[in-house]
């Protein structure tokens, strides 16, 4: 703990206004509403503070987890040793001078990005409107929905490498794949901001499309319970939710974790679920689907333990 206190002092020396919380429960910062305390929780407000915080942590050998909106992770009940660096304060979104690009910092929520594009009469980001993630995480995992994905709109990304140096990726250099990117292969790189290339469109038509997507989500997804969205990746040739439902698992519970009765592809927290509850349910679902259909479901959710 003394080492951690020294690190906090160094962080405050480097960035006096940076927000630092000790023993912060991660359940407050994940859409699963699950997770024990992080030793300390850091919220930089600027890109300079972010770079400075990462530099201090690396110099002192403090392990850290980068966090956006916490929408695609399951954190252990024991919490996180070391630091969590949360980017939600880095949320600038602006339209480029050319009128066709949108620049968003890593912590900007995708819903806000989609709404800003709509107001500017730019189409292409509608798919992102209901994804409860941030730009950094979305680029990291090539987030997508309704036949759209980040790979289709991200033109350029600024990032910090493991030495804290700033670099820029363009186009195919992102290495986008299904729920992946070059950042998965380089977890010590940190997305700072991305430029999206969009197309001109009618704001009213764009809004209609976003509203349609939102209604479909309300109709089909258990939005009234904490979850991490789709728990499993889509197996080639199948739909995970259909396999789980056909295995007779819809509504099955493990502690306070449950396979949603509304959409079997979602595992939900019915209130007070622990990480262990969710892990046991994940394993049960994988086992039953493997036994009945010979398909191995792979978690889309990142498990942090």
Protein backbone atom coordinates (compact mmCIF):
# COMPACT_ATOMS: atom_id res chain seq x y z
CA UNK A 1 0.00 0.00 0.00
CA UNK A 2 2.90 2.33 0.72
CA UNK A 3 4.03 1.84 -2.88
CA UNK A 4 0.55 2.80 -4.08
CA UNK A 5 0.49 5.90 -1.89
CA UNK A 6 3.85 6.97 -3.33
CA UNK A 7 2.46 6.46 -6.82
CA UNK A 8 -0.61 8.58 -6.03
CA UNK A 9 1.68 11.35 -4.78
CA UNK A 10 3.67 11.17 -8.02
CA UNK A 11 0.46 11.32 -10.06
CA UNK A 12 -0.70 14.41 -8.21
CA UNK A 13 2.69 16.03 -8.68
CA UNK A 14 2.46 15.40 -12.44
CA UNK A 15 -1.20 16.49 -12.72
CA UNK A 16 -2.46 18.36 -9.63
CA UNK A 17 -6.10 18.40 -10.79
CA UNK A 18 -6.35 14.72 -11.73
CA UNK A 19 -9.16 12.77 -10.02
CA UNK A 20 -7.94 9.79 -7.98
CA UNK A 21 -10.15 7.53 -5.84
CA UNK A 22 -8.88 4.76 -3.56
CA UNK A 23 -10.62 1.37 -3.21
CA UNK A 24 -13.25 2.35 -5.79
CA UNK A 25 -15.87 -0.43 -6.40
CA UNK A 26 -15.79 -1.45 -10.04
CA UNK A 27 -19.48 -2.36 -9.96
CA UNK A 28 -20.08 1.41 -10.22
CA UNK A 29 -18.19 1.56 -13.50
CA UNK A 30 -19.31 -1.50 -15.48
CA UNK A 31 -22.61 -2.08 -17.25
CA UNK A 32 -22.78 -5.52 -15.60
CA UNK A 33 -22.79 -3.69 -12.21
CA UNK A 34 -20.31 -6.31 -11.02
CA UNK A 35 -16.78 -6.00 -9.68
CA UNK A 36 -14.80 -5.48 -6.50
CA UNK A 37 -12.61 -2.47 -5.62
CA UNK A 38 -9.67 -1.15 -7.62
CA UNK A 39 -6.72 -0.08 -5.49
CA UNK A 40 -7.00 3.31 -7.11
CA UNK A 41 -9.15 4.77 -9.85
CA UNK A 42 -7.77 7.59 -12.03
CA UNK A 43 -9.80 9.91 -14.27
CA UNK A 44 -7.64 12.14 -16.48
CA UNK A 45 -9.43 15.18 -17.87
CA UNK A 46 -7.07 15.88 -20.78
CA UNK A 47 -4.90 13.93 -23.20
CA UNK A 48 -1.84 15.38 -21.46
CA UNK A 49 -3.06 14.10 -18.08
CA UNK A 50 -3.71 10.69 -19.63
CA UNK A 51 -0.20 10.48 -21.05
CA UNK A 52 1.29 11.69 -17.77
CA UNK A 53 -0.66 9.18 -15.68
CA UNK A 54 0.35 6.25 -17.89
CA UNK A 55 3.99 7.38 -17.74
CA UNK A 56 3.98 7.49 -13.92
CA UNK A 57 2.32 4.07 -13.65
CA UNK A 58 4.79 2.46 -16.04
CA UNK A 59 7.81 4.07 -14.40
CA UNK A 60 6.74 2.71 -11.02
CA UNK A 61 5.69 -0.71 -12.26
CA UNK A 62 2.06 -0.32 -11.22
CA UNK A 63 -0.25 -2.59 -13.24
CA UNK A 64 -3.22 -0.77 -14.75
CA UNK A 65 -6.43 -1.36 -16.65
CA UNK A 66 -7.74 1.09 -19.22
CA UNK A 67 -11.48 1.64 -18.91
CA UNK A 68 -14.02 3.46 -21.01
CA UNK A 69 -17.69 2.97 -20.21
CA UNK A 70 -17.10 -0.53 -18.82
CA UNK A 71 -19.65 -1.99 -21.23
CA UNK A 72 -17.84 -5.13 -22.35
CA UNK A 73 -16.12 -6.48 -19.25
CA UNK A 74 -16.70 -8.67 -16.24
CA UNK A 75 -14.52 -7.74 -13.26
CA UNK A 76 -13.60 -10.19 -10.50
CA UNK A 77 -15.25 -9.93 -7.09
CA UNK A 78 -11.79 -9.47 -5.55
CA UNK A 79 -11.38 -6.32 -7.60
CA UNK A 80 -8.28 -5.02 -9.37
CA UNK A 81 -4.82 -4.72 -7.90
CA UNK A 82 -3.14 -1.59 -9.12
CA UNK A 83 -4.83 1.20 -11.04
CA UNK A 84 -7.81 1.69 -13.29
CA UNK A 85 -7.38 4.56 -15.76
CA UNK A 86 -10.82 5.72 -16.86
CA UNK A 87 -11.11 7.85 -20.00
CA UNK A 88 -14.72 9.01 -19.63
CA UNK A 89 -13.63 12.64 -19.00
CA UNK A 90 -11.86 12.67 -22.39
CA UNK A 91 -15.05 13.06 -24.35
CA UNK A 92 -14.63 15.86 -26.89
CA UNK A 93 -16.61 15.34 -30.11
CA UNK A 94 -16.34 17.81 -32.99
CA UNK A 95 -17.08 18.02 -36.68
CA UNK A 96 -14.08 18.53 -38.97
CA UNK A 97 -13.59 21.63 -41.05
CA UNK A 98 -14.29 19.62 -44.21
CA UNK A 99 -17.80 18.92 -42.92
CA UNK A 100 -17.51 15.16 -43.53
CA UNK A 101 -15.33 13.96 -40.67
CA UNK A 102 -16.00 13.69 -36.96
CA UNK A 103 -13.21 13.58 -34.38
CA UNK A 104 -13.98 11.93 -31.04
CA UNK A 105 -11.79 11.37 -28.00
CA UNK A 106 -11.47 7.88 -26.52
CA UNK A 107 -13.94 8.45 -23.69
CA UNK A 108 -16.78 9.84 -25.83
CA UNK A 109 -19.85 7.63 -25.67
CA UNK A 110 -20.94 6.16 -28.99
CA UNK A 111 -24.48 7.40 -28.46
CA UNK A 112 -23.20 10.96 -28.21
CA UNK A 113 -21.08 10.50 -31.35
CA UNK A 114 -24.11 9.25 -33.29
CA UNK A 115 -26.28 12.15 -32.11
CA UNK A 116 -23.62 14.72 -32.99
CA UNK A 117 -23.29 13.23 -36.48
CA UNK A 118 -27.06 13.29 -36.93
CA UNK A 119 -27.33 16.96 -36.00
CA UNK A 120 -24.58 17.75 -38.51
CA UNK A 121 -26.41 15.86 -41.27
CA UNK A 122 -23.82 13.08 -41.46
CA UNK A 123 -24.81 9.46 -42.00
CA UNK A 124 -22.87 6.28 -41.27
CA UNK A 125 -22.74 6.32 -37.47
CA UNK A 126 -26.38 5.40 -36.84
CA UNK A 127 -25.48 1.80 -35.92
CA UNK A 128 -23.46 3.08 -32.94
CA UNK A 129 -26.31 5.03 -31.36
CA UNK A 130 -27.42 2.25 -29.02
CA UNK A 131 -24.06 0.64 -28.25
CA UNK A 132 -23.29 1.52 -24.59
CA UNK A 133 -19.55 1.87 -25.15
CA UNK A 134 -16.97 4.58 -25.70
CA UNK A 135 -14.91 5.32 -28.81
CA UNK A 136 -11.68 3.84 -27.44
CA UNK A 137 -13.25 0.51 -26.55
CA UNK A 138 -15.25 0.46 -29.77
CA UNK A 139 -12.10 0.88 -31.87
CA UNK A 140 -10.27 -1.71 -29.75
CA UNK A 141 -12.93 -4.37 -30.43
CA UNK A 142 -14.38 -3.10 -33.73
CA UNK A 143 -17.80 -2.72 -32.14
CA UNK A 144 -20.80 -3.07 -34.40
CA UNK A 145 -24.54 -3.55 -34.66
CA UNK A 146 -27.23 -3.66 -37.35
CA UNK A 147 -24.77 -4.35 -40.19
CA UNK A 148 -22.53 -1.43 -39.21
CA UNK A 149 -19.16 -1.52 -37.49
CA UNK A 150 -16.30 0.80 -36.59
CA UNK A 151 -14.20 -0.62 -39.44
CA UNK A 152 -16.62 1.00 -41.87
CA UNK A 153 -16.22 4.53 -40.55
CA UNK A 154 -12.87 4.91 -38.73
CA UNK A 155 -10.37 6.70 -40.94
CA UNK A 156 -7.60 7.53 -38.48
CA UNK A 157 -6.67 6.86 -34.86
CA UNK A 158 -4.16 8.61 -32.61
CA UNK A 159 -2.67 6.40 -29.91
CA UNK A 160 0.06 6.23 -27.29
CA UNK A 161 2.52 3.33 -27.49
CA UNK A 162 4.07 1.49 -24.56
CA UNK A 163 6.73 4.22 -24.25
CA UNK A 164 4.17 7.03 -24.20
CA UNK A 165 5.00 8.17 -27.74
CA UNK A 166 2.17 9.43 -29.94
CA UNK A 167 1.47 7.66 -33.26
CA UNK A 168 -1.29 7.64 -35.86
CA UNK A 169 -2.89 4.72 -37.65
CA UNK A 170 -4.69 5.21 -40.97
CA UNK A 171 -7.14 2.98 -42.83
CA UNK A 172 -6.09 -0.67 -43.05
CA UNK A 173 -3.37 -0.14 -40.45
CA UNK A 174 -6.13 -0.56 -37.85
CA UNK A 175 -6.21 -4.28 -38.67
CA UNK A 176 -9.95 -4.45 -38.11
CA UNK A 177 -11.52 -7.91 -37.91
CA UNK A 178 -14.65 -9.36 -36.34
CA UNK A 179 -14.62 -7.94 -32.80
CA UNK A 180 -10.94 -7.16 -33.08
CA UNK A 181 -8.27 -4.74 -34.24
CA UNK A 182 -4.51 -4.23 -34.09
CA UNK A 183 -5.03 -2.93 -30.55
CA UNK A 184 -5.95 -6.42 -29.33
CA UNK A 185 -2.50 -7.58 -30.41
CA UNK A 186 -0.92 -4.56 -28.69
CA UNK A 187 -2.73 -4.17 -25.34
CA UNK A 188 -0.06 -1.70 -24.21
CA UNK A 189 -1.22 0.80 -26.86
CA UNK A 190 -3.79 3.35 -25.76
CA UNK A 191 -6.39 4.86 -28.09
CA UNK A 192 -6.51 8.64 -27.60
CA UNK A 193 -8.91 9.77 -30.32
CA UNK A 194 -10.26 8.71 -33.70
CA UNK A 195 -11.46 10.41 -36.86
CA UNK A 196 -14.60 9.01 -38.47
CA UNK A 197 -15.28 9.55 -42.17
CA UNK A 198 -19.04 9.92 -42.73
CA UNK A 199 -21.33 10.88 -45.61
CA UNK A 200 -23.79 13.74 -46.07
CA UNK A 201 -27.39 12.85 -45.36
CA UNK A 202 -30.77 14.22 -44.35
CA UNK A 203 -30.87 14.82 -40.55
CA UNK A 204 -34.54 13.79 -40.35
CA UNK A 205 -33.92 10.52 -42.21
CA UNK A 206 -30.86 9.80 -40.09
CA UNK A 207 -32.88 10.39 -36.92
CA UNK A 208 -35.65 8.08 -38.19
CA UNK A 209 -33.07 5.34 -38.72
CA UNK A 210 -31.60 5.83 -35.25
CA UNK A 211 -35.07 5.74 -33.69
CA UNK A 212 -35.86 2.53 -35.58
CA UNK A 213 -32.68 0.89 -34.26
CA UNK A 214 -33.50 2.08 -30.74
CA UNK A 215 -37.00 0.63 -30.93
CA UNK A 216 -35.65 -2.71 -32.15
CA UNK A 217 -33.30 -2.80 -29.17
CA UNK A 218 -36.13 -2.04 -26.75
CA UNK A 219 -38.26 -4.77 -28.32
CA UNK A 220 -35.59 -7.49 -28.37
CA UNK A 221 -33.03 -6.76 -25.66
CA UNK A 222 -33.28 -6.82 -21.84
CA UNK A 223 -32.34 -3.17 -21.42
CA UNK A 224 -33.94 -3.01 -17.95
CA UNK A 225 -31.24 -5.23 -16.42
CA UNK A 226 -27.46 -4.74 -16.12
CA UNK A 227 -25.59 -6.69 -18.78
CA UNK A 228 -22.59 -6.49 -21.05
CA UNK A 229 -24.64 -6.80 -24.22
CA UNK A 230 -24.10 -9.96 -26.23
CA UNK A 231 -22.11 -12.25 -23.94
CA UNK A 232 -20.75 -14.49 -26.70
CA UNK A 233 -19.29 -13.92 -30.13
CA UNK A 234 -21.31 -15.09 -33.11
CA UNK A 235 -20.11 -18.59 -34.09
CA UNK A 236 -19.55 -19.02 -37.80
CA UNK A 237 -22.78 -20.24 -39.38
CA UNK A 238 -24.85 -19.81 -36.20
CA UNK A 239 -26.39 -17.25 -33.87
CA UNK A 240 -25.30 -17.60 -30.25
CA UNK A 241 -28.69 -16.59 -28.84
CA UNK A 242 -30.54 -19.17 -30.92
CA UNK A 243 -28.14 -21.96 -29.89
CA UNK A 244 -28.56 -21.05 -26.23
CA UNK A 245 -32.35 -20.92 -26.54
CA UNK A 246 -32.46 -24.23 -28.43
CA UNK A 247 -30.36 -25.78 -25.67
CA UNK A 248 -33.22 -24.99 -23.28
CA UNK A 249 -31.27 -22.40 -21.32
CA UNK A 250 -33.46 -19.34 -21.73
CA UNK A 251 -34.29 -18.05 -18.25
CA UNK A 252 -31.84 -20.37 -16.48
CA UNK A 253 -30.23 -18.77 -13.43
CA UNK A 254 -27.08 -19.17 -11.40
CA UNK A 255 -27.30 -17.11 -8.24
CA UNK A 256 -28.46 -13.66 -9.35
CA UNK A 257 -27.06 -14.18 -12.86
CA UNK A 258 -29.54 -15.27 -15.50
CA UNK A 259 -29.84 -16.10 -19.18
CA UNK A 260 -32.27 -13.41 -20.28
CA UNK A 261 -35.83 -14.56 -20.90
CA UNK A 262 -36.10 -11.86 -23.57
CA UNK A 263 -32.91 -12.59 -25.55
CA UNK A 264 -30.86 -15.69 -24.72
CA UNK A 265 -27.68 -14.11 -26.08
CA UNK A 266 -27.68 -11.76 -23.08
CA UNK A 267 -26.62 -12.86 -19.62
CA UNK A 268 -28.02 -10.41 -17.09
CA UNK A 269 -27.55 -9.35 -13.49
CA UNK A 270 -30.93 -9.58 -11.82
CA UNK A 271 -29.59 -7.71 -8.79
CA UNK A 272 -26.56 -8.44 -6.67
CA UNK A 273 -24.95 -10.97 -9.00
CA UNK A 274 -21.29 -11.69 -8.35
CA UNK A 275 -18.56 -12.33 -10.88
CA UNK A 276 -18.50 -15.96 -9.73
CA UNK A 277 -22.26 -16.24 -10.41
CA UNK A 278 -21.74 -14.97 -13.93
CA UNK A 279 -18.68 -17.14 -14.63
CA UNK A 280 -20.50 -20.29 -13.53
CA UNK A 281 -23.43 -19.41 -15.78
CA UNK A 282 -21.11 -18.70 -18.71
CA UNK A 283 -19.46 -22.09 -18.23
CA UNK A 284 -22.86 -23.83 -18.01
CA UNK A 285 -24.03 -22.22 -21.24
CA UNK A 286 -20.80 -23.13 -23.05
CA UNK A 287 -20.97 -26.72 -21.81
CA UNK A 288 -24.61 -27.29 -22.78
CA UNK A 289 -24.21 -25.76 -26.25
CA UNK A 290 -21.02 -27.75 -26.85
CA UNK A 291 -22.67 -31.01 -25.76
CA UNK A 292 -25.84 -30.52 -27.77
CA UNK A 293 -24.56 -28.84 -30.93
CA UNK A 294 -20.79 -29.35 -31.00
CA UNK A 295 -20.25 -25.57 -31.06
CA UNK A 296 -17.80 -23.84 -28.72
CA UNK A 297 -19.13 -20.43 -27.73
CA UNK A 298 -16.38 -17.85 -27.24
CA UNK A 299 -16.91 -15.00 -24.80
CA UNK A 300 -17.19 -11.56 -26.33
CA UNK A 301 -17.02 -10.08 -22.83
CA UNK A 302 -13.52 -9.41 -21.44
CA UNK A 303 -13.04 -11.17 -18.12
CA UNK A 304 -10.78 -9.21 -15.76
CA UNK A 305 -9.45 -11.25 -12.83
